C-alpha atoms as a PDB file:
ATOM      1  CA  LEU A   1       0.781  -0.194 -13.939  1.00  0.00           C
ATOM      2  CA  GLU A   2       2.296  -2.762 -11.379  1.00  0.00           C
ATOM      3  CA  LYS A   3      -0.249  -5.705 -10.847  1.00  0.00           C
ATOM      4  CA  VAL A   4      -0.920  -8.759  -8.658  1.00  0.00           C
ATOM      5  CA  GLU A   5      -4.131 -10.667  -9.368  1.00  0.00           C
ATOM      6  CA  SER A   6      -5.906 -11.771  -6.695  1.00  0.00           C
ATOM      7  CA  SER A   7      -5.400 -15.239  -5.312  1.00  0.00           C
ATOM      8  CA  LYS A   8      -1.755 -14.858  -6.735  1.00  0.00           C
ATOM      9  CA  ASP A   9       1.271 -14.283  -4.341  1.00  0.00           C
ATOM     10  CA  LYS A  10      -0.726 -13.214  -0.877  1.00  0.00           C
ATOM     11  CA  ILE A  11       1.244 -11.689   1.846  1.00  0.00           C
ATOM     12  CA  ALA A  12       0.236 -11.825   5.680  1.00  0.00           C
ATOM     13  CA  ILE A  13       1.242  -8.213   7.112  1.00  0.00           C
ATOM     14  CA  LYS A  14       1.806  -8.425  10.960  1.00  0.00           C
ATOM     15  CA  PRO A  15       0.122  -6.302  13.291  1.00  0.00           C
ATOM     16  CA  LYS A  16       1.657  -2.868  14.413  1.00  0.00           C
ATOM     17  CA  ASP A  17       5.120  -3.287  12.011  1.00  0.00           C
ATOM     18  CA  TRP A  18       4.963  -1.231   9.022  1.00  0.00           C
ATOM     19  CA  THR A  19       5.495  -3.121   5.622  1.00  0.00           C
ATOM     20  CA  PHE A  20       6.783  -2.688   2.581  1.00  0.00           C
ATOM     21  CA  VAL A  21       3.868  -3.528  -0.200  1.00  0.00           C
ATOM     22  CA  ASN A  22       5.529  -6.321  -2.510  1.00  0.00           C
ATOM     23  CA  PHE A  23       4.397  -6.524  -6.011  1.00  0.00           C
ATOM     24  CA  ASN A  24       5.551  -9.354  -7.995  1.00  0.00           C
ATOM     25  CA  GLY A  25       8.981  -9.593  -6.441  1.00  0.00           C
ATOM     26  CA  LYS A  26       9.020  -5.790  -6.269  1.00  0.00           C
ATOM     27  CA  THR A  27       8.644  -3.070  -3.710  1.00  0.00           C
ATOM     28  CA  LYS A  28      10.329   0.215  -5.375  1.00  0.00           C
ATOM     29  CA  PHE A  29       8.637   1.637  -8.518  1.00  0.00           C
ATOM     30  CA  HIS A  30       9.250   4.713 -10.506  1.00  0.00           C
ATOM     31  CA  ALA A  31       6.985   7.149 -12.573  1.00  0.00           C
ATOM     32  CA  ASP A  32       7.742   7.442 -16.379  1.00  0.00           C
ATOM     33  CA  LYS A  33       8.533  10.774 -16.452  1.00  0.00           C
ATOM     34  CA  GLU A  34       9.303  13.902 -13.999  1.00  0.00           C
ATOM     35  CA  ALA A  35       5.732  15.722 -12.815  1.00  0.00           C
ATOM     36  CA  HIS A  36       3.496  16.048 -10.182  1.00  0.00           C
ATOM     37  CA  ASN A  37       2.275  12.451 -10.374  1.00  0.00           C
ATOM     38  CA  MET A  38      -1.041  11.155  -8.786  1.00  0.00           C
ATOM     39  CA  TRP A  39       0.278   7.688  -7.165  1.00  0.00           C
ATOM     40  CA  THR A  40      -2.466   5.644  -6.622  1.00  0.00           C
ATOM     41  CA  CYS A  41      -2.759   2.404  -5.024  1.00  0.00           C
ATOM     42  CA  VAL A  42      -5.404  -0.428  -4.606  1.00  0.00           C
ATOM     43  CA  LEU A  43      -4.899  -3.280  -2.291  1.00  0.00           C
ATOM     44  CA  ARG A  44      -7.663  -6.302  -1.503  1.00  0.00           C
ATOM     45  CA  VAL A  45      -7.553  -7.380   1.948  1.00  0.00           C
ATOM     46  CA  TRP A  46      -8.673  -9.902   3.949  1.00  0.00           C
ATOM     47  CA  PHE A  47      -9.476  -9.407   7.393  1.00  0.00           C
ATOM     48  CA  PRO A  48      -9.303 -12.217   9.629  1.00  0.00           C
ATOM     49  CA  LYS A  49     -12.710 -13.131  11.857  1.00  0.00           C
ATOM     50  CA  SER A  50     -11.421 -12.542  15.178  1.00  0.00           C
ATOM     51  CA  ASN A  51      -9.024 -10.109  16.449  1.00  0.00           C
ATOM     52  CA  MET A  52     -10.195  -7.307  13.935  1.00  0.00           C
ATOM     53  CA  PRO A  53      -7.694  -4.713  13.422  1.00  0.00           C
ATOM     54  CA  THR A  54      -9.390  -1.047  13.964  1.00  0.00           C
ATOM     55  CA  THR A  55      -7.132   1.124  11.957  1.00  0.00           C
ATOM     56  CA  VAL A  56      -5.257   0.091   8.442  1.00  0.00           C
ATOM     57  CA  ARG A  57      -2.337   2.855   7.608  1.00  0.00           C
ATOM     58  CA  THR A  58      -1.011   3.273   4.189  1.00  0.00           C
ATOM     59  CA  ARG A  59       1.672   5.636   2.876  1.00  0.00           C
ATOM     60  CA  PHE A  60       3.549   6.388  -0.024  1.00  0.00           C
ATOM     61  CA  VAL A  61       7.454   6.337   0.507  1.00  0.00           C
ATOM     62  CA  ARG A  62       9.856   8.388  -1.549  1.00  0.00           C
ATOM     63  CA  TYR A  63      13.375   7.035  -1.413  1.00  0.00           C
ATOM     64  CA  PRO A  64      12.320   3.867   0.167  1.00  0.00           C
ATOM     65  CA  GLY A  65      15.768   2.101   1.994  1.00  0.00           C
ATOM     66  CA  THR A  66      18.178   5.058   1.255  1.00  0.00           C
ATOM     67  CA  ALA A  67      19.477   8.304   3.485  1.00  0.00           C
ATOM     68  CA  LYS A  68      16.417  10.364   1.730  1.00  0.00           C
ATOM     69  CA  HIS A  69      13.424   8.282   2.553  1.00  0.00           C
ATOM     70  CA  ASP A  70      10.653  10.241   3.270  1.00  0.00           C
ATOM     71  CA  GLU A  71       7.063   9.451   4.003  1.00  0.00           C
ATOM     72  CA  THR A  72       5.004  11.262   1.649  1.00  0.00           C
ATOM     73  CA  GLY A  73       1.635  11.258   3.797  1.00  0.00           C
ATOM     74  CA  HIS A  74      -0.827   8.604   5.068  1.00  0.00           C
ATOM     75  CA  THR A  75      -4.206   7.316   4.794  1.00  0.00           C
ATOM     76  CA  SER A  76      -6.182   5.829   7.723  1.00  0.00           C
ATOM     77  CA  HIS A  77      -9.391   3.659   7.243  1.00  0.00           C
ATOM     78  CA  PRO A  78     -11.441   2.958  10.028  1.00  0.00           C
ATOM     79  CA  ILE A  79     -12.583  -0.730   9.694  1.00  0.00           C
ATOM     80  CA  MET A  80     -15.981  -1.621  10.454  1.00  0.00           C
ATOM     81  CA  PRO A  81     -17.134  -5.226  12.494  1.00  0.00           C
ATOM     82  CA  SER A  82     -18.863  -6.150   9.357  1.00  0.00           C
ATOM     83  CA  TRP A  83     -15.465  -6.510   7.716  1.00  0.00           C
ATOM     84  CA  ALA A  84     -14.299  -9.708   9.933  1.00  0.00           C
ATOM     85  CA  GLY A  85     -13.865 -12.606   7.682  1.00  0.00           C
ATOM     86  CA  ARG A  86     -14.129 -10.687   4.540  1.00  0.00           C
ATOM     87  CA  SER A  87     -11.824  -9.138   1.727  1.00  0.00           C
ATOM     88  CA  GLU A  88     -12.071  -5.302   0.937  1.00  0.00           C
ATOM     89  CA  HIS A  89     -10.842  -3.127  -1.402  1.00  0.00           C
ATOM     90  CA  LEU A  90      -8.510  -0.167  -0.075  1.00  0.00           C
ATOM     91  CA  HIS A  91      -7.946   2.296  -2.484  1.00  0.00           C
ATOM     92  CA  PHE A  92      -5.658   5.655  -1.705  1.00  0.00           C
ATOM     93  CA  SER A  93      -3.896   7.998  -3.540  1.00  0.00           C
ATOM     94  CA  HIS A  94      -1.080  11.122  -3.267  1.00  0.00           C
ATOM     95  CA  GLU A  95      -0.135  13.314  -5.537  1.00  0.00           C
ATOM     96  CA  PHE A  96       3.821  14.603  -5.226  1.00  0.00           C
ATOM     97  CA  LEU A  97       6.669  15.647  -7.593  1.00  0.00           C
ATOM     98  CA  SER A  98       8.295  12.302  -8.786  1.00  0.00           C
ATOM     99  CA  GLY A  99      10.088  10.691 -11.530  1.00  0.00           C
ATOM    100  CA  PRO A 100      12.263   8.117 -13.305  1.00  0.00           C
ATOM    101  CA  LYS A 101      15.316   8.889 -10.997  1.00  0.00           C
ATOM    102  CA  MET A 102      12.831   8.442  -7.636  1.00  0.00           C
ATOM    103  CA  ALA A 103      12.126   5.284  -6.138  1.00  0.00           C
ATOM    104  CA  VAL A 104       8.770   5.447  -4.613  1.00  0.00           C
ATOM    105  CA  GLY A 105       7.350   2.273  -1.915  1.00  0.00           C
ATOM    106  CA  VAL A 106       4.150   1.436  -0.558  1.00  0.00           C
ATOM    107  CA  TRP A 107       3.816   0.771   3.362  1.00  0.00           C
ATOM    108  CA  ILE A 108       1.080  -0.616   5.175  1.00  0.00           C
ATOM    109  CA  TRP A 109       0.362  -0.725   8.950  1.00  0.00           C
ATOM    110  CA  HIS A 110      -2.918  -2.009  11.118  1.00  0.00           C
ATOM    111  CA  ASP A 111      -3.120  -2.284  14.690  1.00  0.00           C
ATOM    112  CA  GLY A 112      -5.172  -5.837  14.713  1.00  0.00           C
ATOM    113  CA  ALA A 113      -4.212  -8.459  16.868  1.00  0.00           C
ATOM    114  CA  SER A 114      -3.595 -11.227  14.038  1.00  0.00           C
ATOM    115  CA  PRO A 115      -2.527 -10.905  10.802  1.00  0.00           C
ATOM    116  CA  ILE A 116      -4.416  -9.470   7.711  1.00  0.00           C
ATOM    117  CA  VAL A 117      -3.519 -10.678   4.295  1.00  0.00           C
ATOM    118  CA  LEU A 118      -2.919  -8.839   0.930  1.00  0.00           C
ATOM    119  CA  ASP A 119      -4.308 -10.286  -1.927  1.00  0.00           C
ATOM    120  CA  GLY A 120      -4.944  -8.364  -5.341  1.00  0.00           C
ATOM    121  CA  ARG A 121      -3.018  -5.446  -5.395  1.00  0.00           C
ATOM    122  CA  GLN A 122      -2.185  -2.164  -8.043  1.00  0.00           C
ATOM    123  CA  VAL A 123       0.310   0.461  -8.336  1.00  0.00           C
ATOM    124  CA  LYS A 124       0.538   3.356 -10.432  1.00  0.00           C
ATOM    125  CA  ALA A 125       1.703   6.857 -11.548  1.00  0.00           C
ATOM    126  CA  ASN A 126      -0.161   9.262 -13.519  1.00  0.00           C
ATOM    127  CA  PRO A 127       1.269  12.535 -14.770  1.00  0.00           C
ATOM    128  CA  LEU A 128      -1.037  15.520 -13.657  1.00  0.00           C
ATOM    129  CA  ARG A 129       0.704  18.429 -15.072  1.00  0.00           C
END
């Protein structure tokens, strides 16, 4: 488990630009053992009062920053207007074969006109089989 407590190390995410999520200075993570792991991420996101994003996408990336770079899939979250000026938790997960030799990163993207802010965040791999 890699975790950043709420109100510590906030990150502004620019619109329409895939950005690696930083957890305590780290952007690459490894599962403890080679297995089909369920990777789970929770992001606490503050949405500005104006220029709301309509879509937030998140992706796990295998071998980030290398020639083997591979996106594992994504989750799209429709954003409701009532989220303006509020913080909300976004949860996403994806199962894939990974282990100690495979780095994994988390990307985030949104299509708003102004930055959203990541507050608290967690990422974890749990073996399934």
